[in-house]
């Protein structure tokens, strides 16, 4: 056996009278010596169990792949939602930063005006 489910195969050898001479299950190789009689011998190599196990394996892999697809779909939805939240936060931060900047400029102008007014001579000068 070169390839397959665990490199295993069933072997059955029957004499011309139909008696079972050799029956081995799940073997990858083997050597048998028998005394032969005149007639037709029947031998059978059977690997039907391996196709069943491979189908189960394929179904299991397909199921896991399907679950992975569903998880990826959910993750894409989460990513889109989070991206929208981040963009909203970005816009909100920019807006309030501009408001803060305008308030700082206005307060600075008021402070300059107030400080200037402290140094003005309020007396009327007589010349």
N, C-alpha and C. Protein backbone atom coordinates (compact mmCIF):
# COMPACT_ATOMS: atom_id res chain seq x y z
N UNK A 1 0.86 -1.17 0.00
CA UNK A 1 0.00 0.00 0.00
C UNK A 1 0.90 1.23 0.00
N UNK A 2 0.64 2.16 -0.91
CA UNK A 2 1.48 3.35 -1.03
C UNK A 2 0.87 4.57 -0.37
N UNK A 3 -0.45 4.70 -0.39
CA UNK A 3 -1.08 5.90 0.13
C UNK A 3 -2.49 5.56 0.57
N UNK A 4 -3.02 6.31 1.51
CA UNK A 4 -4.38 6.08 1.97
C UNK A 4 -4.48 6.26 3.46
N UNK A 5 -5.59 5.81 4.00
CA UNK A 5 -5.88 5.99 5.42
C UNK A 5 -4.95 5.14 6.27
N UNK A 6 -3.85 5.69 6.68
CA UNK A 6 -2.92 4.97 7.54
C UNK A 6 -2.19 3.86 6.84
N UNK A 7 -2.20 3.84 5.51
CA UNK A 7 -1.55 2.80 4.71
C UNK A 7 -2.05 1.41 5.08
N UNK A 8 -3.32 1.29 5.44
CA UNK A 8 -3.90 0.01 5.86
C UNK A 8 -4.85 -0.52 4.80
N UNK A 9 -4.90 -1.88 4.72
CA UNK A 9 -5.80 -2.53 3.78
C UNK A 9 -6.16 -3.91 4.34
N UNK A 10 -7.35 -4.39 4.01
CA UNK A 10 -7.76 -5.74 4.41
C UNK A 10 -7.41 -6.70 3.28
N UNK A 11 -6.99 -7.94 3.66
CA UNK A 11 -6.62 -8.96 2.68
C UNK A 11 -7.33 -10.25 3.03
N UNK A 12 -7.91 -10.89 1.98
CA UNK A 12 -8.62 -12.15 2.17
C UNK A 12 -8.18 -13.10 1.06
N UNK A 13 -7.78 -14.33 1.45
CA UNK A 13 -7.37 -15.36 0.48
C UNK A 13 -8.20 -16.61 0.76
N UNK A 14 -8.86 -17.14 -0.30
CA UNK A 14 -9.70 -18.33 -0.15
C UNK A 14 -9.23 -19.42 -1.10
N UNK A 15 -9.33 -20.67 -0.63
CA UNK A 15 -8.91 -21.83 -1.43
C UNK A 15 -9.96 -22.11 -2.51
N UNK A 16 -9.64 -23.04 -3.46
CA UNK A 16 -10.62 -23.38 -4.49
C UNK A 16 -11.93 -23.93 -3.91
N UNK A 17 -11.90 -24.53 -2.73
CA UNK A 17 -13.13 -25.03 -2.10
C UNK A 17 -13.90 -23.92 -1.38
N UNK A 18 -13.32 -22.72 -1.27
CA UNK A 18 -13.99 -21.60 -0.61
C UNK A 18 -13.60 -21.40 0.84
N UNK A 19 -12.63 -22.21 1.34
CA UNK A 19 -12.18 -22.04 2.72
C UNK A 19 -11.27 -20.82 2.81
N UNK A 20 -11.39 -20.11 3.90
CA UNK A 20 -10.53 -18.95 4.12
C UNK A 20 -9.16 -19.44 4.57
N UNK A 21 -8.14 -19.10 3.79
CA UNK A 21 -6.78 -19.48 4.13
C UNK A 21 -6.08 -18.36 4.91
N UNK A 22 -6.27 -17.14 4.46
CA UNK A 22 -5.64 -15.99 5.12
C UNK A 22 -6.66 -14.86 5.17
N UNK A 23 -6.77 -14.25 6.34
CA UNK A 23 -7.59 -13.04 6.46
C UNK A 23 -6.87 -12.08 7.41
N UNK A 24 -6.48 -10.95 6.88
CA UNK A 24 -5.79 -9.94 7.69
C UNK A 24 -6.51 -8.61 7.52
N UNK A 25 -6.58 -7.89 8.61
CA UNK A 25 -7.22 -6.57 8.57
C UNK A 25 -6.21 -5.48 8.91
N UNK A 26 -6.36 -4.37 8.21
CA UNK A 26 -5.58 -3.16 8.49
C UNK A 26 -4.07 -3.40 8.49
N UNK A 27 -3.59 -3.99 7.42
CA UNK A 27 -2.15 -4.25 7.26
C UNK A 27 -1.64 -3.45 6.07
N UNK A 28 -0.42 -2.96 6.17
CA UNK A 28 0.16 -2.22 5.05
C UNK A 28 1.02 -3.13 4.18
N UNK A 29 1.44 -4.27 4.71
CA UNK A 29 2.19 -5.23 3.91
C UNK A 29 2.08 -6.61 4.56
N UNK A 30 2.53 -7.62 3.85
CA UNK A 30 2.49 -8.96 4.40
C UNK A 30 3.02 -10.00 3.43
N UNK A 31 3.50 -11.11 3.97
CA UNK A 31 4.00 -12.23 3.17
C UNK A 31 3.33 -13.49 3.71
N UNK A 32 2.79 -14.32 2.78
CA UNK A 32 2.09 -15.53 3.19
C UNK A 32 2.58 -16.71 2.36
N UNK A 33 2.77 -17.82 3.03
CA UNK A 33 3.18 -19.05 2.35
C UNK A 33 2.11 -20.11 2.62
N UNK A 34 1.59 -20.71 1.54
CA UNK A 34 0.57 -21.75 1.70
C UNK A 34 0.90 -22.90 0.76
N UNK A 35 0.37 -24.07 1.08
CA UNK A 35 0.50 -25.21 0.17
C UNK A 35 -0.65 -25.10 -0.82
N UNK A 36 -0.31 -25.12 -2.08
CA UNK A 36 -1.32 -24.90 -3.11
C UNK A 36 -1.98 -26.19 -3.53
N UNK A 37 -3.20 -26.06 -3.99
CA UNK A 37 -3.97 -27.16 -4.57
C UNK A 37 -4.33 -26.75 -5.98
N UNK A 38 -4.79 -27.70 -6.75
CA UNK A 38 -5.22 -27.38 -8.11
C UNK A 38 -6.56 -26.68 -8.02
N UNK A 39 -6.72 -25.59 -8.77
CA UNK A 39 -7.99 -24.85 -8.78
C UNK A 39 -7.75 -23.35 -8.76
N UNK A 40 -8.85 -22.66 -8.75
CA UNK A 40 -8.79 -21.19 -8.75
C UNK A 40 -8.88 -20.66 -7.32
N UNK A 41 -7.91 -19.85 -6.97
CA UNK A 41 -7.90 -19.20 -5.67
C UNK A 41 -8.56 -17.81 -5.80
N UNK A 42 -9.16 -17.41 -4.72
CA UNK A 42 -9.75 -16.08 -4.71
C UNK A 42 -9.00 -15.23 -3.68
N UNK A 43 -8.56 -14.06 -4.13
CA UNK A 43 -7.98 -13.13 -3.16
C UNK A 43 -8.61 -11.75 -3.36
N UNK A 44 -8.71 -11.05 -2.25
CA UNK A 44 -9.41 -9.76 -2.27
C UNK A 44 -8.63 -8.77 -1.42
N UNK A 45 -8.37 -7.62 -2.02
CA UNK A 45 -7.80 -6.49 -1.29
C UNK A 45 -8.94 -5.48 -1.10
N UNK A 46 -9.16 -5.11 0.12
CA UNK A 46 -10.32 -4.26 0.42
C UNK A 46 -9.88 -3.04 1.25
N UNK A 47 -10.24 -1.88 0.75
CA UNK A 47 -9.93 -0.66 1.51
C UNK A 47 -11.17 0.22 1.68
N UNK A 48 -12.35 -0.40 1.69
CA UNK A 48 -13.58 0.40 1.80
C UNK A 48 -13.64 1.15 3.12
N UNK A 49 -13.07 0.62 4.17
CA UNK A 49 -13.09 1.33 5.45
C UNK A 49 -12.32 2.64 5.37
N UNK A 50 -11.27 2.68 4.54
CA UNK A 50 -10.47 3.90 4.46
C UNK A 50 -11.22 5.01 3.74
N UNK A 51 -12.05 4.66 2.76
CA UNK A 51 -12.80 5.72 2.09
C UNK A 51 -13.84 6.31 3.03
N UNK A 52 -14.38 5.49 3.91
CA UNK A 52 -15.34 6.01 4.89
C UNK A 52 -14.64 6.95 5.85
N UNK A 53 -13.47 6.53 6.36
CA UNK A 53 -12.78 7.39 7.31
C UNK A 53 -12.31 8.68 6.64
N UNK A 54 -11.92 8.62 5.37
CA UNK A 54 -11.52 9.85 4.69
C UNK A 54 -12.72 10.76 4.49
N UNK A 55 -13.90 10.19 4.19
CA UNK A 55 -15.10 11.02 4.05
C UNK A 55 -15.43 11.69 5.37
N UNK A 56 -15.32 10.94 6.46
CA UNK A 56 -15.57 11.56 7.76
C UNK A 56 -14.57 12.68 8.00
N UNK A 57 -13.34 12.46 7.63
CA UNK A 57 -12.32 13.48 7.80
C UNK A 57 -12.62 14.70 6.94
N UNK A 58 -13.04 14.47 5.71
CA UNK A 58 -13.38 15.58 4.82
C UNK A 58 -14.58 16.34 5.37
N UNK A 59 -15.58 15.61 5.87
CA UNK A 59 -16.75 16.29 6.43
C UNK A 59 -16.36 17.11 7.65
N UNK A 60 -15.47 16.55 8.47
CA UNK A 60 -15.02 17.28 9.67
C UNK A 60 -14.26 18.54 9.27
N UNK A 61 -13.40 18.41 8.27
CA UNK A 61 -12.65 19.58 7.79
C UNK A 61 -13.60 20.59 7.18
N UNK A 62 -14.57 20.12 6.41
CA UNK A 62 -15.55 21.03 5.79
C UNK A 62 -16.34 21.76 6.87
N UNK A 63 -16.72 21.05 7.93
CA UNK A 63 -17.45 21.67 9.03
C UNK A 63 -16.61 22.74 9.71
N UNK A 64 -15.35 22.42 9.97
CA UNK A 64 -14.46 23.40 10.61
C UNK A 64 -14.22 24.60 9.70
N UNK A 65 -14.08 24.34 8.41
CA UNK A 65 -13.89 25.44 7.46
C UNK A 65 -15.12 26.33 7.40
N UNK A 66 -16.28 25.71 7.47
CA UNK A 66 -17.53 26.48 7.49
C UNK A 66 -17.60 27.35 8.74
N UNK A 67 -17.22 26.78 9.89
CA UNK A 67 -17.20 27.56 11.14
C UNK A 67 -16.22 28.72 11.01
N UNK A 68 -15.07 28.47 10.41
CA UNK A 68 -14.09 29.54 10.21
C UNK A 68 -14.66 30.64 9.33
N UNK A 69 -15.41 30.26 8.31
CA UNK A 69 -16.05 31.25 7.45
C UNK A 69 -17.05 32.11 8.21
N UNK A 70 -17.84 31.46 9.08
CA UNK A 70 -18.81 32.22 9.89
C UNK A 70 -18.09 33.16 10.85
N UNK A 71 -17.01 32.68 11.45
CA UNK A 71 -16.25 33.53 12.38
C UNK A 71 -15.65 34.71 11.63
N UNK A 72 -15.13 34.48 10.43
CA UNK A 72 -14.57 35.59 9.65
C UNK A 72 -15.65 36.61 9.29
N UNK A 73 -16.85 36.14 8.97
CA UNK A 73 -17.95 37.06 8.68
C UNK A 73 -18.27 37.92 9.90
N UNK A 74 -18.32 37.28 11.07
CA UNK A 74 -18.56 38.04 12.30
C UNK A 74 -17.44 39.04 12.56
N UNK A 75 -16.20 38.61 12.36
CA UNK A 75 -15.07 39.52 12.59
C UNK A 75 -15.10 40.70 11.63
N UNK A 76 -15.52 40.46 10.38
CA UNK A 76 -15.65 41.57 9.43
C UNK A 76 -16.71 42.56 9.91
N UNK A 77 -17.82 42.04 10.44
CA UNK A 77 -18.88 42.91 10.95
C UNK A 77 -18.38 43.71 12.15
N UNK A 78 -17.66 43.05 13.06
CA UNK A 78 -17.09 43.75 14.22
C UNK A 78 -16.11 44.82 13.76
N UNK A 79 -15.29 44.49 12.78
CA UNK A 79 -14.29 45.44 12.28
C UNK A 79 -14.96 46.65 11.67
N UNK A 80 -16.04 46.44 10.91
CA UNK A 80 -16.76 47.55 10.29
C UNK A 80 -17.40 48.43 11.37
N UNK A 81 -18.00 47.81 12.37
CA UNK A 81 -18.60 48.57 13.47
C UNK A 81 -17.54 49.38 14.20
N UNK A 82 -16.41 48.75 14.52
CA UNK A 82 -15.33 49.45 15.23
C UNK A 82 -14.74 50.57 14.39
N UNK A 83 -14.64 50.36 13.09
CA UNK A 83 -14.13 51.42 12.21
C UNK A 83 -15.07 52.62 12.22
N UNK A 84 -16.38 52.37 12.18
CA UNK A 84 -17.35 53.47 12.24
C UNK A 84 -17.24 54.23 13.56
N UNK A 85 -17.08 53.49 14.66
CA UNK A 85 -16.93 54.13 15.97
C UNK A 85 -15.66 54.98 16.00
N UNK A 86 -14.55 54.45 15.46
CA UNK A 86 -13.30 55.21 15.43
C UNK A 86 -13.42 56.47 14.59
N UNK A 87 -14.07 56.37 13.45
CA UNK A 87 -14.24 57.56 12.61
C UNK A 87 -15.12 58.59 13.30
N UNK A 88 -16.16 58.14 14.00
CA UNK A 88 -17.01 59.06 14.75
C UNK A 88 -16.21 59.74 15.86
N UNK A 89 -15.41 58.96 16.58
CA UNK A 89 -14.56 59.53 17.63
C UNK A 89 -13.57 60.53 17.06
N UNK A 90 -13.00 60.22 15.91
CA UNK A 90 -12.05 61.12 15.25
C UNK A 90 -12.72 62.45 14.93
N UNK A 91 -13.92 62.41 14.36
CA UNK A 91 -14.65 63.64 14.04
C UNK A 91 -14.98 64.43 15.30
N UNK A 92 -15.41 63.73 16.35
CA UNK A 92 -15.75 64.39 17.60
C UNK A 92 -14.52 65.05 18.23
N UNK A 93 -13.39 64.36 18.23
CA UNK A 93 -12.15 64.92 18.78
C UNK A 93 -11.72 66.14 17.98
N UNK A 94 -11.80 66.06 16.66
CA UNK A 94 -11.44 67.22 15.82
C UNK A 94 -12.35 68.41 16.11
N UNK A 95 -13.65 68.18 16.23
CA UNK A 95 -14.59 69.28 16.50
C UNK A 95 -14.25 69.96 17.83
N UNK A 96 -14.10 69.16 18.89
CA UNK A 96 -13.85 69.76 20.20
C UNK A 96 -12.45 70.37 20.28
N UNK A 97 -11.52 69.86 19.52
CA UNK A 97 -10.19 70.49 19.47
C UNK A 97 -10.28 71.87 18.85
N UNK A 98 -11.07 71.99 17.79
CA UNK A 98 -11.25 73.31 17.15
C UNK A 98 -11.97 74.27 18.10
N UNK A 99 -13.00 73.79 18.81
CA UNK A 99 -13.70 74.63 19.79
C UNK A 99 -12.71 75.09 20.85
N UNK A 100 -11.90 74.20 21.35
CA UNK A 100 -10.90 74.53 22.37
C UNK A 100 -9.91 75.56 21.84
N UNK A 101 -9.47 75.40 20.61
CA UNK A 101 -8.53 76.34 20.00
C UNK A 101 -9.15 77.73 19.87
N UNK A 102 -10.40 77.80 19.43
CA UNK A 102 -11.08 79.10 19.30
C UNK A 102 -11.22 79.76 20.68
N UNK A 103 -11.61 78.97 21.69
CA UNK A 103 -11.74 79.52 23.04
C UNK A 103 -10.40 80.04 23.53
N UNK A 104 -9.32 79.32 23.29
CA UNK A 104 -7.99 79.77 23.73
C UNK A 104 -7.59 81.07 23.04
N UNK A 105 -7.87 81.20 21.75
CA UNK A 105 -7.53 82.43 21.02
C UNK A 105 -8.35 83.60 21.56
N UNK A 106 -9.64 83.39 21.80
CA UNK A 106 -10.49 84.46 22.34
C UNK A 106 -10.02 84.86 23.74
N UNK A 107 -9.74 83.88 24.59
CA UNK A 107 -9.26 84.18 25.95
C UNK A 107 -7.92 84.92 25.88
N UNK A 108 -7.04 84.52 24.98
CA UNK A 108 -5.75 85.22 24.83
C UNK A 108 -5.97 86.66 24.42
N UNK A 109 -6.88 86.91 23.49
CA UNK A 109 -7.16 88.28 23.05
C UNK A 109 -7.72 89.11 24.21
N UNK A 110 -8.61 88.52 24.99
CA UNK A 110 -9.17 89.24 26.14
C UNK A 110 -8.08 89.55 27.15
N UNK A 111 -7.18 88.60 27.40
CA UNK A 111 -6.09 88.83 28.35
C UNK A 111 -5.16 89.95 27.87
N UNK A 112 -4.86 89.96 26.59
CA UNK A 112 -4.00 91.02 26.05
C UNK A 112 -4.69 92.37 26.23
N UNK A 113 -5.95 92.44 25.92
CA UNK A 113 -6.70 93.70 26.06
C UNK A 113 -6.72 94.14 27.53
N UNK A 114 -6.99 93.20 28.44
CA UNK A 114 -7.05 93.53 29.86
C UNK A 114 -5.69 93.97 30.38
N UNK A 115 -4.64 93.29 29.96
CA UNK A 115 -3.29 93.64 30.41
C UNK A 115 -2.89 95.01 29.86
N UNK A 116 -3.25 95.29 28.65
CA UNK A 116 -2.97 96.59 28.05
C UNK A 116 -3.70 97.70 28.81
N UNK A 117 -4.91 97.40 29.21
CA UNK A 117 -5.69 98.43 29.91
C UNK A 117 -5.10 98.73 31.28
N UNK A 118 -4.36 97.81 31.87
CA UNK A 118 -3.73 98.07 33.16
C UNK A 118 -2.61 99.10 33.04
N UNK A 119 -1.95 99.13 31.90
CA UNK A 119 -0.82 100.04 31.72
C UNK A 119 -1.22 101.38 31.08
N UNK A 120 -2.46 101.52 30.73
CA UNK A 120 -2.90 102.80 30.17
C UNK A 120 -2.98 103.85 31.27
N UNK A 121 -2.62 105.01 30.91
CA UNK A 121 -2.71 106.12 31.87
C UNK A 121 -4.12 106.67 31.80
N UNK A 122 -4.82 106.57 32.90
CA UNK A 122 -6.21 106.99 32.91
C UNK A 122 -6.35 108.46 33.29
N UNK A 123 -5.28 109.05 33.69
CA UNK A 123 -5.34 110.47 34.02
C UNK A 123 -5.36 111.28 32.76
N UNK A 124 -6.01 112.34 32.86
CA UNK A 124 -5.99 113.23 31.72
C UNK A 124 -4.72 114.03 31.80
N UNK A 125 -4.06 114.04 30.78
CA UNK A 125 -2.81 114.78 30.81
C UNK A 125 -3.07 116.25 30.55
N UNK A 126 -2.35 117.07 31.32
CA UNK A 126 -2.48 118.51 31.16
C UNK A 126 -1.20 119.04 30.57
N UNK A 127 -1.34 119.59 29.55
CA UNK A 127 -0.16 120.19 28.94
C UNK A 127 -0.30 121.66 28.72
